[in-house]
């Protein structure tokens, strides 16, 4: 008998806590305004990037130019190694979700460093593992789940990664926008707003300023399924 498990990997890769040490020391910082492109899908690039501040979103584009949002990566996240190191061209695009800055690192410096620094190798593998899980998760979510299920599923991923005890349930320590949620769910911001109002009306979530509190985690799981 095969046992299946629901994927609940958070699409927000925040609070990574990676330490890149000498790899970034003295490197050039590149500043990005919101929605600036760091690199484009299919672009050849001799560099990788480590986020110094802000958030970068990773997207795929289909043959009609439509975007599929894969992940939003925060401070100390490694970008640009997937595809560029193996094939010489980026497999996705990267855009700033907010005012951001990244360290610009020659790809060869990362590859040489990973051979002598086990921590860097471990961190690079951790990022690759996260992105693989997210690719599988997106394939599953877009295979037939509706807007409400997608939003609830992503909220469960956030709860697993960023949930903190709260008198009324669990508070999400990460702050994000409805537009970011809409991008990741491949739905409109209006649809996200409708789902949030429904969840609030059913007593599943509540808003405290810019943060969300999950009042009933089991009800959220039921709606996600």
Protein backbone atom coordinates (compact mmCIF):
# COMPACT_ATOMS: atom_id res chain seq x y z
CA UNK A 1 0.00 0.00 0.00
CA UNK A 2 1.36 3.43 -0.98
CA UNK A 3 1.03 6.26 1.53
CA UNK A 4 0.66 9.78 0.15
CA UNK A 5 1.44 13.03 1.96
CA UNK A 6 0.17 16.51 1.14
CA UNK A 7 2.98 18.89 0.18
CA UNK A 8 3.16 21.87 2.51
CA UNK A 9 6.46 23.50 1.62
CA UNK A 10 6.37 27.26 2.19
CA UNK A 11 6.80 29.18 -1.05
CA UNK A 12 8.29 32.05 0.97
CA UNK A 13 11.91 31.09 1.62
CA UNK A 14 12.61 33.54 4.43
CA UNK A 15 14.67 33.42 7.63
CA UNK A 16 17.12 31.06 5.94
CA UNK A 17 19.97 32.06 8.23
CA UNK A 18 22.67 31.03 5.74
CA UNK A 19 26.24 32.22 6.34
CA UNK A 20 28.28 32.74 3.17
CA UNK A 21 31.31 34.24 4.95
CA UNK A 22 34.22 35.05 2.66
CA UNK A 23 32.18 34.30 -0.45
CA UNK A 24 30.36 37.65 -0.19
CA UNK A 25 32.95 39.70 1.69
CA UNK A 26 34.01 42.65 -0.46
CA UNK A 27 31.72 41.68 -3.34
CA UNK A 28 29.81 44.26 -5.33
CA UNK A 29 26.25 44.98 -4.16
CA UNK A 30 23.64 45.45 -6.85
CA UNK A 31 20.60 47.52 -5.86
CA UNK A 32 17.16 46.65 -7.24
CA UNK A 33 13.94 48.62 -7.14
CA UNK A 34 10.61 46.82 -6.87
CA UNK A 35 9.91 44.75 -10.03
CA UNK A 36 13.44 45.21 -11.43
CA UNK A 37 14.70 42.11 -13.29
CA UNK A 38 17.82 40.52 -11.80
CA UNK A 39 18.13 37.99 -14.61
CA UNK A 40 15.86 36.53 -17.29
CA UNK A 41 14.90 32.98 -18.17
CA UNK A 42 17.27 31.67 -20.86
CA UNK A 43 19.89 34.35 -20.16
CA UNK A 44 23.56 33.31 -20.03
CA UNK A 45 25.20 34.63 -16.88
CA UNK A 46 28.63 34.06 -15.30
CA UNK A 47 27.38 35.11 -11.85
CA UNK A 48 25.30 33.84 -8.96
CA UNK A 49 23.59 36.13 -6.46
CA UNK A 50 23.15 36.11 -2.70
CA UNK A 51 20.40 38.29 -1.29
CA UNK A 52 21.66 40.97 1.08
CA UNK A 53 18.29 42.64 1.74
CA UNK A 54 14.72 42.52 0.46
CA UNK A 55 12.94 39.76 -1.47
CA UNK A 56 13.37 38.27 -4.93
CA UNK A 57 10.63 36.30 -6.70
CA UNK A 58 11.45 33.50 -9.12
CA UNK A 59 9.17 32.99 -12.13
CA UNK A 60 8.84 30.76 -15.17
CA UNK A 61 7.43 31.92 -18.51
CA UNK A 62 5.50 29.71 -20.92
CA UNK A 63 5.47 30.01 -24.72
CA UNK A 64 2.68 32.65 -24.51
CA UNK A 65 4.71 34.75 -22.07
CA UNK A 66 2.53 33.97 -19.05
CA UNK A 67 4.27 33.88 -15.68
CA UNK A 68 4.25 31.07 -13.16
CA UNK A 69 5.58 32.21 -9.81
CA UNK A 70 7.80 29.59 -8.22
CA UNK A 71 9.16 31.12 -5.01
CA UNK A 72 9.89 34.30 -3.10
CA UNK A 73 13.36 34.25 -1.58
CA UNK A 74 14.61 36.42 1.27
CA UNK A 75 17.87 37.43 2.91
CA UNK A 76 20.90 35.12 2.45
CA UNK A 77 19.15 33.09 -0.25
CA UNK A 78 21.27 31.84 -3.15
CA UNK A 79 20.01 32.64 -6.67
CA UNK A 80 21.22 31.81 -10.16
CA UNK A 81 23.05 28.55 -9.52
CA UNK A 82 20.24 26.32 -10.80
CA UNK A 83 20.61 26.00 -14.54
CA UNK A 84 23.42 28.51 -14.93
CA UNK A 85 25.98 26.13 -13.41
CA UNK A 86 24.80 23.04 -15.26
CA UNK A 87 23.55 24.41 -18.58
CA UNK A 88 25.00 27.91 -18.82
CA UNK A 89 21.58 29.61 -18.93
CA UNK A 90 19.03 30.48 -16.28
CA UNK A 91 16.02 28.17 -16.08
CA UNK A 92 13.81 30.90 -14.59
CA UNK A 93 13.63 34.67 -14.19
CA UNK A 94 14.23 36.67 -11.01
CA UNK A 95 12.51 39.95 -10.11
CA UNK A 96 12.64 42.13 -7.01
CA UNK A 97 9.41 41.88 -5.01
CA UNK A 98 10.52 44.88 -2.94
CA UNK A 99 13.45 47.25 -2.69
CA UNK A 100 16.35 44.80 -2.58
CA UNK A 101 20.10 44.35 -2.91
CA UNK A 102 22.17 41.31 -3.87
CA UNK A 103 25.81 40.32 -3.76
CA UNK A 104 27.18 39.61 -7.24
CA UNK A 105 29.45 36.54 -7.07
CA UNK A 106 31.32 34.84 -9.94
CA UNK A 107 29.83 31.40 -10.41
CA UNK A 108 33.27 29.81 -10.41
CA UNK A 109 33.96 31.30 -6.96
CA UNK A 110 30.92 29.48 -5.60
CA UNK A 111 31.87 26.18 -7.24
CA UNK A 112 35.45 26.35 -5.99
CA UNK A 113 34.30 27.45 -2.53
CA UNK A 114 31.86 24.55 -2.19
CA UNK A 115 34.74 22.13 -2.71
CA UNK A 116 36.51 23.46 0.39
CA UNK A 117 33.65 24.80 2.52
CA UNK A 118 31.19 22.03 3.51
CA UNK A 119 28.79 24.64 4.94
CA UNK A 120 28.48 26.42 1.59
CA UNK A 121 27.84 23.10 -0.16
CA UNK A 122 25.20 22.22 2.42
CA UNK A 123 23.48 25.60 1.99
CA UNK A 124 23.52 25.36 -1.81
CA UNK A 125 22.02 21.87 -1.63
CA UNK A 126 19.38 23.11 0.80
CA UNK A 127 18.31 25.84 -1.66
CA UNK A 128 18.21 23.31 -4.51
CA UNK A 129 16.10 20.93 -2.39
CA UNK A 130 13.64 23.73 -1.55
CA UNK A 131 13.22 24.67 -5.20
CA UNK A 132 12.72 21.04 -6.25
CA UNK A 133 10.00 20.60 -3.63
CA UNK A 134 8.34 23.83 -4.73
CA UNK A 135 8.36 22.76 -8.38
CA UNK A 136 6.59 19.53 -7.45
CA UNK A 137 4.17 21.42 -5.24
CA UNK A 138 3.25 23.91 -7.98
CA UNK A 139 2.66 21.08 -10.43
CA UNK A 140 0.28 19.49 -7.93
CA UNK A 141 -1.53 22.72 -7.02
CA UNK A 142 -2.10 23.80 -10.60
CA UNK A 143 -3.22 20.33 -11.65
CA UNK A 144 -6.82 20.90 -10.63
CA UNK A 145 -7.15 22.80 -7.35
CA UNK A 146 -9.32 25.92 -7.21
CA UNK A 147 -8.45 29.39 -5.92
CA UNK A 148 -9.58 28.72 -2.34
CA UNK A 149 -7.61 25.48 -2.10
CA UNK A 150 -4.47 27.12 -3.47
CA UNK A 151 -4.64 30.02 -1.02
CA UNK A 152 -5.36 27.71 1.92
CA UNK A 153 -2.52 25.42 0.94
CA UNK A 154 -0.02 28.29 0.79
CA UNK A 155 -1.26 29.54 4.16
CA UNK A 156 -0.60 26.07 5.59
CA UNK A 157 2.94 26.21 4.20
CA UNK A 158 3.45 29.59 5.86
CA UNK A 159 1.99 28.24 9.09
CA UNK A 160 4.42 25.31 9.09
CA UNK A 161 7.43 27.58 8.53
CA UNK A 162 6.50 30.83 10.27
CA UNK A 163 3.72 30.01 12.74
CA UNK A 164 4.20 31.38 16.28
CA UNK A 165 2.05 30.78 19.36
CA UNK A 166 -0.72 33.34 19.79
CA UNK A 167 -3.50 33.57 22.40
CA UNK A 168 -6.08 32.97 19.65
CA UNK A 169 -4.16 30.37 17.63
CA UNK A 170 -0.95 30.84 15.63
CA UNK A 171 0.37 34.10 14.20
CA UNK A 172 2.31 34.20 10.93
CA UNK A 173 5.52 36.04 11.72
CA UNK A 174 6.13 36.87 8.06
CA UNK A 175 4.43 39.86 6.44
CA UNK A 176 3.30 39.51 2.82
CA UNK A 177 0.89 41.18 0.43
CA UNK A 178 -2.25 39.90 -1.25
CA UNK A 179 -0.51 40.50 -4.59
CA UNK A 180 2.38 38.21 -3.60
CA UNK A 181 -0.11 35.51 -2.62
CA UNK A 182 -2.01 36.03 -5.88
CA UNK A 183 1.17 35.71 -7.95
CA UNK A 184 2.14 32.45 -6.29
CA UNK A 185 -1.38 31.02 -6.64
CA UNK A 186 -1.66 32.15 -10.30
CA UNK A 187 -4.94 33.93 -9.54
CA UNK A 188 -5.99 37.58 -9.28
CA UNK A 189 -5.52 39.73 -6.18
CA UNK A 190 -9.31 40.14 -6.11
CA UNK A 191 -9.68 36.36 -5.85
CA UNK A 192 -7.25 36.27 -2.92
CA UNK A 193 -9.25 39.04 -1.23
CA UNK A 194 -12.47 37.03 -1.67
CA UNK A 195 -10.87 33.92 -0.15
CA UNK A 196 -9.48 35.88 2.80
CA UNK A 197 -12.89 37.41 3.51
CA UNK A 198 -14.45 33.95 3.40
CA UNK A 199 -11.83 32.57 5.80
CA UNK A 200 -12.35 35.52 8.15
CA UNK A 201 -16.10 35.09 8.02
CA UNK A 202 -15.77 31.38 8.86
CA UNK A 203 -13.51 32.15 11.84
CA UNK A 204 -10.46 30.47 10.27
CA UNK A 205 -8.16 33.50 10.15
CA UNK A 206 -8.06 37.03 11.54
CA UNK A 207 -5.97 40.05 10.67
CA UNK A 208 -3.86 41.97 13.17
CA UNK A 209 -2.46 44.97 11.36
CA UNK A 210 -0.41 43.58 8.47
CA UNK A 211 -0.15 40.09 9.97
CA UNK A 212 -2.46 37.09 9.85
CA UNK A 213 -3.50 34.90 12.77
CA UNK A 214 -4.69 31.37 12.01
CA UNK A 215 -7.51 30.76 14.48
CA UNK A 216 -8.44 27.23 13.38
CA UNK A 217 -5.64 25.26 11.72
CA UNK A 218 -7.77 22.15 11.26
CA UNK A 219 -10.48 24.11 9.44
CA UNK A 220 -7.77 25.57 7.20
CA UNK A 221 -6.55 22.05 6.40
CA UNK A 222 -10.10 20.94 5.62
CA UNK A 223 -10.57 23.83 3.19
CA UNK A 224 -7.20 23.16 1.56
CA UNK A 225 -8.27 19.57 0.85
